């Protein structure tokens, strides 16, 4: 299988490096600036699960350079989604399936509309990792999980092949027949964690220490649970309880990627995450007051133009 990574940030670089480490054929589709950085610095992962370094990875800057792609792992930030569509169309025309692991849920319908239903798999990841100023990955928790599955019957074969590849790689992988439900469950969790850490500019440990603030985590998750039910995805109270338990197990200093971006004065995914939930809610005439409040508090920092 020929795998192409679009989005050589912390997430894409981590999984790409782990695949290469296990012997898979992986290329990275990158911009010129990132290409020069990787050529100068290589790709390096420093991880609690084991370090690895890829000295000379295969880098692409034009879709024409890929002859027979089978799978594209899409790991960009939500605000970069639109600009990847023309490139994805070229890869799909060559026979590739697309596995998006963006935070959120709205991007799935966008990609299906642009690329066709048979081209888009379902996927998500759980990982806490960042890039340093050399473009190297720092992975700081036990979490390094890739969950994926078919959204169309025609995708079962490629999912099975990818599952075999993942069994040899140094990360946790799960092939599931209920991937849409799993994506909503993560969306429920990340909506709360990203929203509260970013709006409040606080770590998870601080949130856990204040009962009134901790209650907000559950309230946001309940809103997304209700929203999911309007889209025929049913999440139960046990799912919320499990994610609250996960929230309690995070290190004190743990935070969301959006909060990290806010501190670095990078662009924020608020429109893709909280904004996406509000647009989906509007379509079914549902109100999400907690999510809307977080959205309005974070929105001024979206492009750090304050």
C-alpha atoms as a PDB file:
ATOM      1  CA  UNK A   1       0.000   0.000   0.000  1.00  0.00           C
ATOM      2  CA  UNK A   2       1.237   3.466  -0.914  1.00  0.00           C
ATOM      3  CA  UNK A   3       0.328   5.957   1.822  1.00  0.00           C
ATOM      4  CA  UNK A   4       0.509   9.731   1.450  1.00  0.00           C
ATOM      5  CA  UNK A   5       0.392  12.047   4.454  1.00  0.00           C
ATOM      6  CA  UNK A   6      -1.142  15.486   3.916  1.00  0.00           C
ATOM      7  CA  UNK A   7      -0.406  17.612   6.948  1.00  0.00           C
ATOM      8  CA  UNK A   8       3.131  16.989   8.193  1.00  0.00           C
ATOM      9  CA  UNK A   9       2.402  18.577  11.545  1.00  0.00           C
ATOM     10  CA  UNK A  10       2.715  16.746  14.833  1.00  0.00           C
ATOM     11  CA  UNK A  11      -0.103  14.292  14.128  1.00  0.00           C
ATOM     12  CA  UNK A  12       0.702  13.436  10.504  1.00  0.00           C
ATOM     13  CA  UNK A  13       4.437  13.268  11.160  1.00  0.00           C
ATOM     14  CA  UNK A  14       3.950  10.972  14.150  1.00  0.00           C
ATOM     15  CA  UNK A  15       1.829   8.360  12.387  1.00  0.00           C
ATOM     16  CA  UNK A  16       3.837   8.665   9.161  1.00  0.00           C
ATOM     17  CA  UNK A  17       7.107   8.090  11.001  1.00  0.00           C
ATOM     18  CA  UNK A  18       5.673   5.094  12.855  1.00  0.00           C
ATOM     19  CA  UNK A  19       4.517   3.575   9.555  1.00  0.00           C
ATOM     20  CA  UNK A  20       7.931   4.124   7.950  1.00  0.00           C
ATOM     21  CA  UNK A  21       9.601   2.653  11.043  1.00  0.00           C
ATOM     22  CA  UNK A  22       7.541  -0.523  10.516  1.00  0.00           C
ATOM     23  CA  UNK A  23       8.449  -0.804   6.826  1.00  0.00           C
ATOM     24  CA  UNK A  24       5.426   0.824   5.156  1.00  0.00           C
ATOM     25  CA  UNK A  25       5.731   2.909   1.976  1.00  0.00           C
ATOM     26  CA  UNK A  26       4.935   6.476   3.033  1.00  0.00           C
ATOM     27  CA  UNK A  27       5.288   9.880   1.351  1.00  0.00           C
ATOM     28  CA  UNK A  28       4.618  13.334   2.783  1.00  0.00           C
ATOM     29  CA  UNK A  29       2.825  15.981   0.707  1.00  0.00           C
ATOM     30  CA  UNK A  30       4.197  19.278   1.991  1.00  0.00           C
ATOM     31  CA  UNK A  31       4.617  22.945   1.195  1.00  0.00           C
ATOM     32  CA  UNK A  32       8.009  24.239   0.083  1.00  0.00           C
ATOM     33  CA  UNK A  33       8.830  25.724   3.482  1.00  0.00           C
ATOM     34  CA  UNK A  34       8.149  22.478   5.338  1.00  0.00           C
ATOM     35  CA  UNK A  35      10.013  20.543   2.624  1.00  0.00           C
ATOM     36  CA  UNK A  36      13.160  22.600   3.177  1.00  0.00           C
ATOM     37  CA  UNK A  37      12.881  22.189   6.942  1.00  0.00           C
ATOM     38  CA  UNK A  38      12.532  18.411   6.695  1.00  0.00           C
ATOM     39  CA  UNK A  39      15.421  18.170   4.220  1.00  0.00           C
ATOM     40  CA  UNK A  40      17.553  20.137   6.678  1.00  0.00           C
ATOM     41  CA  UNK A  41      16.396  18.594   9.956  1.00  0.00           C
ATOM     42  CA  UNK A  42      14.950  15.197   9.012  1.00  0.00           C
ATOM     43  CA  UNK A  43      11.869  13.859  10.779  1.00  0.00           C
ATOM     44  CA  UNK A  44      12.325  13.036  14.433  1.00  0.00           C
ATOM     45  CA  UNK A  45       9.906  11.745  17.041  1.00  0.00           C
ATOM     46  CA  UNK A  46      10.734  11.992  20.722  1.00  0.00           C
ATOM     47  CA  UNK A  47       8.170   9.879  22.521  1.00  0.00           C
ATOM     48  CA  UNK A  48       7.350   8.144  25.770  1.00  0.00           C
ATOM     49  CA  UNK A  49       6.600   5.146  23.533  1.00  0.00           C
ATOM     50  CA  UNK A  50      10.049   5.155  21.908  1.00  0.00           C
ATOM     51  CA  UNK A  51      12.051   7.596  19.798  1.00  0.00           C
ATOM     52  CA  UNK A  52      12.554   7.329  16.050  1.00  0.00           C
ATOM     53  CA  UNK A  53      14.266   9.358  13.330  1.00  0.00           C
ATOM     54  CA  UNK A  54      13.621   9.332   9.574  1.00  0.00           C
ATOM     55  CA  UNK A  55      16.637  10.881   7.848  1.00  0.00           C
ATOM     56  CA  UNK A  56      15.455  11.053   4.230  1.00  0.00           C
ATOM     57  CA  UNK A  57      11.663  10.723   3.952  1.00  0.00           C
ATOM     58  CA  UNK A  58       9.947  10.879   0.574  1.00  0.00           C
ATOM     59  CA  UNK A  59       8.571  14.393   0.087  1.00  0.00           C
ATOM     60  CA  UNK A  60       6.045  15.513  -2.528  1.00  0.00           C
ATOM     61  CA  UNK A  61       5.080  19.069  -3.428  1.00  0.00           C
ATOM     62  CA  UNK A  62       2.903  18.272  -6.458  1.00  0.00           C
ATOM     63  CA  UNK A  63       0.229  15.553  -6.822  1.00  0.00           C
ATOM     64  CA  UNK A  64       1.741  14.552 -10.185  1.00  0.00           C
ATOM     65  CA  UNK A  65       4.749  13.172  -8.281  1.00  0.00           C
ATOM     66  CA  UNK A  66       2.597  10.365  -6.831  1.00  0.00           C
ATOM     67  CA  UNK A  67       2.154   7.525  -9.317  1.00  0.00           C
ATOM     68  CA  UNK A  68      -0.160   5.053  -7.552  1.00  0.00           C
ATOM     69  CA  UNK A  69      -1.478   6.318  -4.208  1.00  0.00           C
ATOM     70  CA  UNK A  70      -3.784   3.974  -2.302  1.00  0.00           C
ATOM     71  CA  UNK A  71      -4.475   5.926   0.866  1.00  0.00           C
ATOM     72  CA  UNK A  72      -4.208   9.574   1.885  1.00  0.00           C
ATOM     73  CA  UNK A  73      -4.033  10.338   5.601  1.00  0.00           C
ATOM     74  CA  UNK A  74      -5.427  13.856   5.980  1.00  0.00           C
ATOM     75  CA  UNK A  75      -4.184  15.441   9.188  1.00  0.00           C
ATOM     76  CA  UNK A  76      -4.463  19.183   8.591  1.00  0.00           C
ATOM     77  CA  UNK A  77      -6.091  21.768  10.824  1.00  0.00           C
ATOM     78  CA  UNK A  78      -9.743  22.436  10.052  1.00  0.00           C
ATOM     79  CA  UNK A  79      -9.057  25.894   8.631  1.00  0.00           C
ATOM     80  CA  UNK A  80      -6.777  24.333   5.975  1.00  0.00           C
ATOM     81  CA  UNK A  81      -9.435  21.876   4.755  1.00  0.00           C
ATOM     82  CA  UNK A  82     -10.651  23.903   1.777  1.00  0.00           C
ATOM     83  CA  UNK A  83      -7.193  24.349   0.290  1.00  0.00           C
ATOM     84  CA  UNK A  84      -6.546  20.586   0.356  1.00  0.00           C
ATOM     85  CA  UNK A  85      -9.620  19.753  -1.756  1.00  0.00           C
ATOM     86  CA  UNK A  86      -7.995  20.301  -5.216  1.00  0.00           C
ATOM     87  CA  UNK A  87      -5.012  18.143  -4.210  1.00  0.00           C
ATOM     88  CA  UNK A  88      -7.252  15.433  -2.758  1.00  0.00           C
ATOM     89  CA  UNK A  89      -9.266  15.348  -5.978  1.00  0.00           C
ATOM     90  CA  UNK A  90      -6.106  14.577  -7.936  1.00  0.00           C
ATOM     91  CA  UNK A  91      -5.126  11.771  -5.567  1.00  0.00           C
ATOM     92  CA  UNK A  92      -8.652  10.324  -5.618  1.00  0.00           C
ATOM     93  CA  UNK A  93      -8.632  10.429  -9.436  1.00  0.00           C
ATOM     94  CA  UNK A  94      -5.539   8.201  -9.230  1.00  0.00           C
ATOM     95  CA  UNK A  95      -7.416   5.686  -7.092  1.00  0.00           C
ATOM     96  CA  UNK A  96      -6.707   6.813  -3.539  1.00  0.00           C
ATOM     97  CA  UNK A  97      -9.086   6.673  -0.600  1.00  0.00           C
ATOM     98  CA  UNK A  98      -8.943   9.500   1.951  1.00  0.00           C
ATOM     99  CA  UNK A  99      -8.709   8.898   5.700  1.00  0.00           C
ATOM    100  CA  UNK A 100      -9.348  12.237   7.469  1.00  0.00           C
ATOM    101  CA  UNK A 101      -8.395  12.467  11.128  1.00  0.00           C
ATOM    102  CA  UNK A 102      -9.315  16.088  11.674  1.00  0.00           C
ATOM    103  CA  UNK A 103     -10.962  17.143  14.905  1.00  0.00           C
ATOM    104  CA  UNK A 104     -14.671  17.699  14.394  1.00  0.00           C
ATOM    105  CA  UNK A 105     -17.426  16.084  12.333  1.00  0.00           C
ATOM    106  CA  UNK A 106     -18.565  18.599   9.714  1.00  0.00           C
ATOM    107  CA  UNK A 107     -15.596  17.885   7.414  1.00  0.00           C
ATOM    108  CA  UNK A 108     -16.892  14.392   6.590  1.00  0.00           C
ATOM    109  CA  UNK A 109     -19.932  15.680   4.711  1.00  0.00           C
ATOM    110  CA  UNK A 110     -17.797  18.338   3.004  1.00  0.00           C
ATOM    111  CA  UNK A 111     -15.287  15.757   1.787  1.00  0.00           C
ATOM    112  CA  UNK A 112     -17.994  13.350   0.651  1.00  0.00           C
ATOM    113  CA  UNK A 113     -19.627  16.072  -1.397  1.00  0.00           C
ATOM    114  CA  UNK A 114     -16.327  17.092  -3.011  1.00  0.00           C
ATOM    115  CA  UNK A 115     -14.709  13.669  -3.476  1.00  0.00           C
ATOM    116  CA  UNK A 116     -17.610  11.213  -3.598  1.00  0.00           C
ATOM    117  CA  UNK A 117     -18.976   8.975  -0.861  1.00  0.00           C
ATOM    118  CA  UNK A 118     -16.832   5.970  -1.776  1.00  0.00           C
ATOM    119  CA  UNK A 119     -13.598   7.975  -1.444  1.00  0.00           C
ATOM    120  CA  UNK A 120     -13.935   9.050   2.202  1.00  0.00           C
ATOM    121  CA  UNK A 121     -13.209   6.748   5.136  1.00  0.00           C
ATOM    122  CA  UNK A 122     -14.003   7.547   8.739  1.00  0.00           C
ATOM    123  CA  UNK A 123     -11.208   8.158  11.203  1.00  0.00           C
ATOM    124  CA  UNK A 124      -9.931   9.868  14.314  1.00  0.00           C
ATOM    125  CA  UNK A 125      -6.917   9.827  16.566  1.00  0.00           C
ATOM    126  CA  UNK A 126      -6.135  10.287  20.225  1.00  0.00           C
ATOM    127  CA  UNK A 127      -2.657  11.694  20.773  1.00  0.00           C
ATOM    128  CA  UNK A 128      -0.974  14.535  22.646  1.00  0.00           C
ATOM    129  CA  UNK A 129       1.938  15.755  20.546  1.00  0.00           C
ATOM    130  CA  UNK A 130       3.457  19.033  19.377  1.00  0.00           C
ATOM    131  CA  UNK A 131       6.108  20.245  16.923  1.00  0.00           C
ATOM    132  CA  UNK A 132       9.149  22.150  18.129  1.00  0.00           C
ATOM    133  CA  UNK A 133      10.856  24.944  16.163  1.00  0.00           C
ATOM    134  CA  UNK A 134      12.907  22.382  14.223  1.00  0.00           C
ATOM    135  CA  UNK A 135       9.778  20.587  13.068  1.00  0.00           C
ATOM    136  CA  UNK A 136      10.363  17.593  15.328  1.00  0.00           C
ATOM    137  CA  UNK A 137       7.560  15.817  17.169  1.00  0.00           C
ATOM    138  CA  UNK A 138       7.338  15.650  20.947  1.00  0.00           C
ATOM    139  CA  UNK A 139       4.857  12.982  22.051  1.00  0.00           C
ATOM    140  CA  UNK A 140       4.258  13.263  25.777  1.00  0.00           C
ATOM    141  CA  UNK A 141       1.532  10.825  26.819  1.00  0.00           C
ATOM    142  CA  UNK A 142       0.629   7.143  26.562  1.00  0.00           C
ATOM    143  CA  UNK A 143      -2.068   8.015  24.025  1.00  0.00           C
ATOM    144  CA  UNK A 144      -1.173   7.276  20.409  1.00  0.00           C
ATOM    145  CA  UNK A 145      -4.281   5.723  18.942  1.00  0.00           C
ATOM    146  CA  UNK A 146      -5.657   5.639  15.402  1.00  0.00           C
ATOM    147  CA  UNK A 147      -9.285   4.543  15.011  1.00  0.00           C
ATOM    148  CA  UNK A 148     -10.755   4.074  11.546  1.00  0.00           C
ATOM    149  CA  UNK A 149     -13.423   2.252   9.602  1.00  0.00           C
ATOM    150  CA  UNK A 150     -15.525   2.175   6.448  1.00  0.00           C
ATOM    151  CA  UNK A 151     -18.287   4.669   5.747  1.00  0.00           C
ATOM    152  CA  UNK A 152     -19.212   2.783   2.556  1.00  0.00           C
ATOM    153  CA  UNK A 153     -19.308  -1.004   1.889  1.00  0.00           C
ATOM    154  CA  UNK A 154     -16.726  -0.650  -0.896  1.00  0.00           C
ATOM    155  CA  UNK A 155     -14.090   0.420   1.648  1.00  0.00           C
ATOM    156  CA  UNK A 156     -13.892  -2.811   3.640  1.00  0.00           C
ATOM    157  CA  UNK A 157     -10.941  -4.204   1.685  1.00  0.00           C
ATOM    158  CA  UNK A 158      -8.677  -1.184   2.056  1.00  0.00           C
ATOM    159  CA  UNK A 159      -9.580  -0.958   5.744  1.00  0.00           C
ATOM    160  CA  UNK A 160      -8.561  -4.594   6.218  1.00  0.00           C
ATOM    161  CA  UNK A 161      -5.247  -3.976   4.435  1.00  0.00           C
ATOM    162  CA  UNK A 162      -4.543  -0.890   6.531  1.00  0.00           C
ATOM    163  CA  UNK A 163      -5.362  -2.846   9.671  1.00  0.00           C
ATOM    164  CA  UNK A 164      -2.671  -5.407   8.773  1.00  0.00           C
ATOM    165  CA  UNK A 165      -0.130  -2.614   8.277  1.00  0.00           C
ATOM    166  CA  UNK A 166      -1.067  -0.995  11.576  1.00  0.00           C
ATOM    167  CA  UNK A 167      -0.538  -4.232  13.487  1.00  0.00           C
ATOM    168  CA  UNK A 168       3.194  -3.902  12.724  1.00  0.00           C
ATOM    169  CA  UNK A 169       3.422  -0.224  13.676  1.00  0.00           C
ATOM    170  CA  UNK A 170       4.269   1.291  17.058  1.00  0.00           C
ATOM    171  CA  UNK A 171       0.896   2.820  17.842  1.00  0.00           C
ATOM    172  CA  UNK A 172      -2.479   1.519  18.944  1.00  0.00           C
ATOM    173  CA  UNK A 173      -4.938   0.914  16.131  1.00  0.00           C
ATOM    174  CA  UNK A 174      -8.588  -0.058  16.013  1.00  0.00           C
ATOM    175  CA  UNK A 175     -10.656  -0.988  12.974  1.00  0.00           C
ATOM    176  CA  UNK A 176     -14.324  -0.523  13.806  1.00  0.00           C
ATOM    177  CA  UNK A 177     -17.616  -0.996  11.994  1.00  0.00           C
ATOM    178  CA  UNK A 178     -19.127   1.880  14.019  1.00  0.00           C
ATOM    179  CA  UNK A 179     -16.689   4.615  13.064  1.00  0.00           C
ATOM    180  CA  UNK A 180     -19.332   7.340  12.750  1.00  0.00           C
ATOM    181  CA  UNK A 181     -20.358   6.772  16.357  1.00  0.00           C
ATOM    182  CA  UNK A 182     -16.711   6.838  17.467  1.00  0.00           C
ATOM    183  CA  UNK A 183     -16.133  10.147  15.659  1.00  0.00           C
ATOM    184  CA  UNK A 184     -19.101  11.718  17.430  1.00  0.00           C
ATOM    185  CA  UNK A 185     -17.849  10.457  20.791  1.00  0.00           C
ATOM    186  CA  UNK A 186     -14.501  12.121  20.224  1.00  0.00           C
ATOM    187  CA  UNK A 187     -16.231  15.257  18.962  1.00  0.00           C
ATOM    188  CA  UNK A 188     -18.187  15.319  22.204  1.00  0.00           C
ATOM    189  CA  UNK A 189     -14.997  15.125  24.252  1.00  0.00           C
ATOM    190  CA  UNK A 190     -12.868  17.513  22.190  1.00  0.00           C
ATOM    191  CA  UNK A 191     -15.643  20.110  21.997  1.00  0.00           C
ATOM    192  CA  UNK A 192     -15.625  20.348  25.767  1.00  0.00           C
ATOM    193  CA  UNK A 193     -11.881  20.090  26.328  1.00  0.00           C
ATOM    194  CA  UNK A 194     -10.834  22.437  23.523  1.00  0.00           C
ATOM    195  CA  UNK A 195     -13.553  24.942  24.269  1.00  0.00           C
ATOM    196  CA  UNK A 196     -13.027  25.246  28.022  1.00  0.00           C
ATOM    197  CA  UNK A 197      -9.209  25.146  28.051  1.00  0.00           C
ATOM    198  CA  UNK A 198      -9.043  27.749  25.273  1.00  0.00           C
ATOM    199  CA  UNK A 199     -11.793  30.083  26.447  1.00  0.00           C
ATOM    200  CA  UNK A 200     -10.565  29.946  30.039  1.00  0.00           C
ATOM    201  CA  UNK A 201      -6.845  29.763  29.173  1.00  0.00           C
ATOM    202  CA  UNK A 202      -6.501  26.966  31.735  1.00  0.00           C
ATOM    203  CA  UNK A 203      -5.131  23.422  31.962  1.00  0.00           C
ATOM    204  CA  UNK A 204      -7.207  20.323  32.674  1.00  0.00           C
ATOM    205  CA  UNK A 205      -5.835  20.166  36.217  1.00  0.00           C
ATOM    206  CA  UNK A 206      -7.237  23.600  37.003  1.00  0.00           C
ATOM    207  CA  UNK A 207     -10.608  22.617  35.566  1.00  0.00           C
ATOM    208  CA  UNK A 208     -10.724  19.477  37.695  1.00  0.00           C
ATOM    209  CA  UNK A 209      -9.895  21.456  40.834  1.00  0.00           C
ATOM    210  CA  UNK A 210     -12.957  23.709  40.485  1.00  0.00           C
ATOM    211  CA  UNK A 211     -16.260  21.763  40.680  1.00  0.00           C
ATOM    212  CA  UNK A 212     -18.238  24.535  38.994  1.00  0.00           C
ATOM    213  CA  UNK A 213     -15.852  24.574  36.010  1.00  0.00           C
ATOM    214  CA  UNK A 214     -15.637  20.785  35.887  1.00  0.00           C
ATOM    215  CA  UNK A 215     -19.439  20.659  35.595  1.00  0.00           C
ATOM    216  CA  UNK A 216     -19.132  22.708  32.400  1.00  0.00           C
ATOM    217  CA  UNK A 217     -17.184  19.845  30.784  1.00  0.00           C
ATOM    218  CA  UNK A 218     -20.132  17.512  31.310  1.00  0.00           C
ATOM    219  CA  UNK A 219     -22.649  20.150  30.209  1.00  0.00           C
ATOM    220  CA  UNK A 220     -20.886  20.671  26.868  1.00  0.00           C
ATOM    221  CA  UNK A 221     -20.649  16.924  26.308  1.00  0.00           C
ATOM    222  CA  UNK A 222     -24.365  16.580  27.002  1.00  0.00           C
ATOM    223  CA  UNK A 223     -25.072  19.187  24.330  1.00  0.00           C
ATOM    224  CA  UNK A 224     -23.036  17.307  21.705  1.00  0.00           C
ATOM    225  CA  UNK A 225     -24.680  14.035  22.787  1.00  0.00           C
ATOM    226  CA  UNK A 226     -28.068  15.620  22.087  1.00  0.00           C
ATOM    227  CA  UNK A 227     -26.854  17.015  18.771  1.00  0.00           C
ATOM    228  CA  UNK A 228     -25.621  13.569  17.703  1.00  0.00           C
ATOM    229  CA  UNK A 229     -29.065  12.085  18.347  1.00  0.00           C
ATOM    230  CA  UNK A 230     -30.546  14.493  15.786  1.00  0.00           C
ATOM    231  CA  UNK A 231     -28.166  12.916  13.242  1.00  0.00           C
ATOM    232  CA  UNK A 232     -29.172   9.355  14.178  1.00  0.00           C
ATOM    233  CA  UNK A 233     -26.066   8.686  16.258  1.00  0.00           C
ATOM    234  CA  UNK A 234     -26.930   7.611  19.792  1.00  0.00           C
ATOM    235  CA  UNK A 235     -24.466   8.182  22.632  1.00  0.00           C
ATOM    236  CA  UNK A 236     -25.417   7.024  26.112  1.00  0.00           C
ATOM    237  CA  UNK A 237     -24.598   8.249  29.621  1.00  0.00           C
ATOM    238  CA  UNK A 238     -21.956   5.548  30.004  1.00  0.00           C
ATOM    239  CA  UNK A 239     -20.052   7.099  27.086  1.00  0.00           C
ATOM    240  CA  UNK A 240     -20.069  10.453  28.874  1.00  0.00           C
ATOM    241  CA  UNK A 241     -19.005   8.814  32.145  1.00  0.00           C
ATOM    242  CA  UNK A 242     -16.072   7.101  30.390  1.00  0.00           C
ATOM    243  CA  UNK A 243     -14.901  10.370  28.878  1.00  0.00           C
ATOM    244  CA  UNK A 244     -15.217  12.171  32.186  1.00  0.00           C
ATOM    245  CA  UNK A 245     -13.039   9.427  33.657  1.00  0.00           C
ATOM    246  CA  UNK A 246     -10.531   9.968  30.832  1.00  0.00           C
ATOM    247  CA  UNK A 247     -10.559  13.689  31.554  1.00  0.00           C
ATOM    248  CA  UNK A 248      -9.726  12.984  35.209  1.00  0.00           C
ATOM    249  CA  UNK A 249      -6.823  10.718  34.169  1.00  0.00           C
ATOM    250  CA  UNK A 250      -5.034  13.387  32.108  1.00  0.00           C
ATOM    251  CA  UNK A 251      -1.857  14.958  33.531  1.00  0.00           C
ATOM    252  CA  UNK A 252      -2.428  18.203  35.432  1.00  0.00           C
ATOM    253  CA  UNK A 253      -0.724  20.304  32.722  1.00  0.00           C
ATOM    254  CA  UNK A 254      -2.515  18.561  29.824  1.00  0.00           C
ATOM    255  CA  UNK A 255      -4.467  20.807  27.520  1.00  0.00           C
ATOM    256  CA  UNK A 256      -6.016  20.896  24.057  1.00  0.00           C
ATOM    257  CA  UNK A 257      -4.239  21.559  20.769  1.00  0.00           C
ATOM    258  CA  UNK A 258      -6.405  24.652  20.285  1.00  0.00           C
ATOM    259  CA  UNK A 259      -5.285  26.022  23.645  1.00  0.00           C
ATOM    260  CA  UNK A 260      -1.673  25.348  22.628  1.00  0.00           C
ATOM    261  CA  UNK A 261      -2.305  27.234  19.390  1.00  0.00           C
ATOM    262  CA  UNK A 262      -3.791  30.143  21.300  1.00  0.00           C
ATOM    263  CA  UNK A 263      -0.695  30.384  23.482  1.00  0.00           C
ATOM    264  CA  UNK A 264       1.530  30.231  20.391  1.00  0.00           C
ATOM    265  CA  UNK A 265      -0.639  32.902  18.722  1.00  0.00           C
ATOM    266  CA  UNK A 266      -1.478  30.531  15.854  1.00  0.00           C
ATOM    267  CA  UNK A 267      -4.833  30.414  14.079  1.00  0.00           C
ATOM    268  CA  UNK A 268      -7.540  28.516  15.956  1.00  0.00           C
ATOM    269  CA  UNK A 269      -9.963  25.774  14.883  1.00  0.00           C
ATOM    270  CA  UNK A 270     -12.909  27.369  16.678  1.00  0.00           C
ATOM    271  CA  UNK A 271     -14.940  27.662  13.463  1.00  0.00           C
ATOM    272  CA  UNK A 272     -14.303  24.009  12.622  1.00  0.00           C
ATOM    273  CA  UNK A 273     -15.053  22.723  16.147  1.00  0.00           C
ATOM    274  CA  UNK A 274     -17.547  24.872  18.057  1.00  0.00           C
ATOM    275  CA  UNK A 275     -18.700  26.685  14.910  1.00  0.00           C
ATOM    276  CA  UNK A 276     -19.333  23.367  13.184  1.00  0.00           C
ATOM    277  CA  UNK A 277     -21.501  22.179  16.065  1.00  0.00           C
ATOM    278  CA  UNK A 278     -23.537  25.382  15.942  1.00  0.00           C
ATOM    279  CA  UNK A 279     -24.116  25.050  12.186  1.00  0.00           C
ATOM    280  CA  UNK A 280     -25.203  21.425  12.562  1.00  0.00           C
ATOM    281  CA  UNK A 281     -27.499  22.446  15.424  1.00  0.00           C
ATOM    282  CA  UNK A 282     -29.022  25.261  13.403  1.00  0.00           C
ATOM    283  CA  UNK A 283     -29.997  22.819  10.653  1.00  0.00           C
ATOM    284  CA  UNK A 284     -32.118  20.833  13.136  1.00  0.00           C
ATOM    285  CA  UNK A 285     -33.302  23.900  15.094  1.00  0.00           C
ATOM    286  CA  UNK A 286     -31.427  22.942  18.261  1.00  0.00           C
ATOM    287  CA  UNK A 287     -29.897  25.383  20.750  1.00  0.00           C
ATOM    288  CA  UNK A 288     -26.438  24.738  22.271  1.00  0.00           C
ATOM    289  CA  UNK A 289     -26.045  27.546  24.844  1.00  0.00           C
ATOM    290  CA  UNK A 290     -22.826  26.285  26.478  1.00  0.00           C
ATOM    291  CA  UNK A 291     -21.142  25.608  23.149  1.00  0.00           C
ATOM    292  CA  UNK A 292     -22.312  28.946  21.777  1.00  0.00           C
ATOM    293  CA  UNK A 293     -20.884  30.818  24.770  1.00  0.00           C
ATOM    294  CA  UNK A 294     -17.492  29.125  24.366  1.00  0.00           C
ATOM    295  CA  UNK A 295     -17.571  29.886  20.641  1.00  0.00           C
ATOM    296  CA  UNK A 296     -18.231  33.572  21.247  1.00  0.00           C
ATOM    297  CA  UNK A 297     -15.453  33.787  23.864  1.00  0.00           C
ATOM    298  CA  UNK A 298     -12.849  32.107  21.633  1.00  0.00           C
ATOM    299  CA  UNK A 299     -13.820  33.737  18.323  1.00  0.00           C
ATOM    300  CA  UNK A 300     -11.858  36.999  18.924  1.00  0.00           C
ATOM    301  CA  UNK A 301      -8.644  34.937  19.146  1.00  0.00           C
ATOM    302  CA  UNK A 302      -9.306  32.954  15.953  1.00  0.00           C
ATOM    303  CA  UNK A 303      -6.631  34.728  13.927  1.00  0.00           C
ATOM    304  CA  UNK A 304      -4.980  36.470  16.922  1.00  0.00           C
ATOM    305  CA  UNK A 305      -5.896  39.869  15.460  1.00  0.00           C
ATOM    306  CA  UNK A 306      -6.560  41.502  18.823  1.00  0.00           C
END
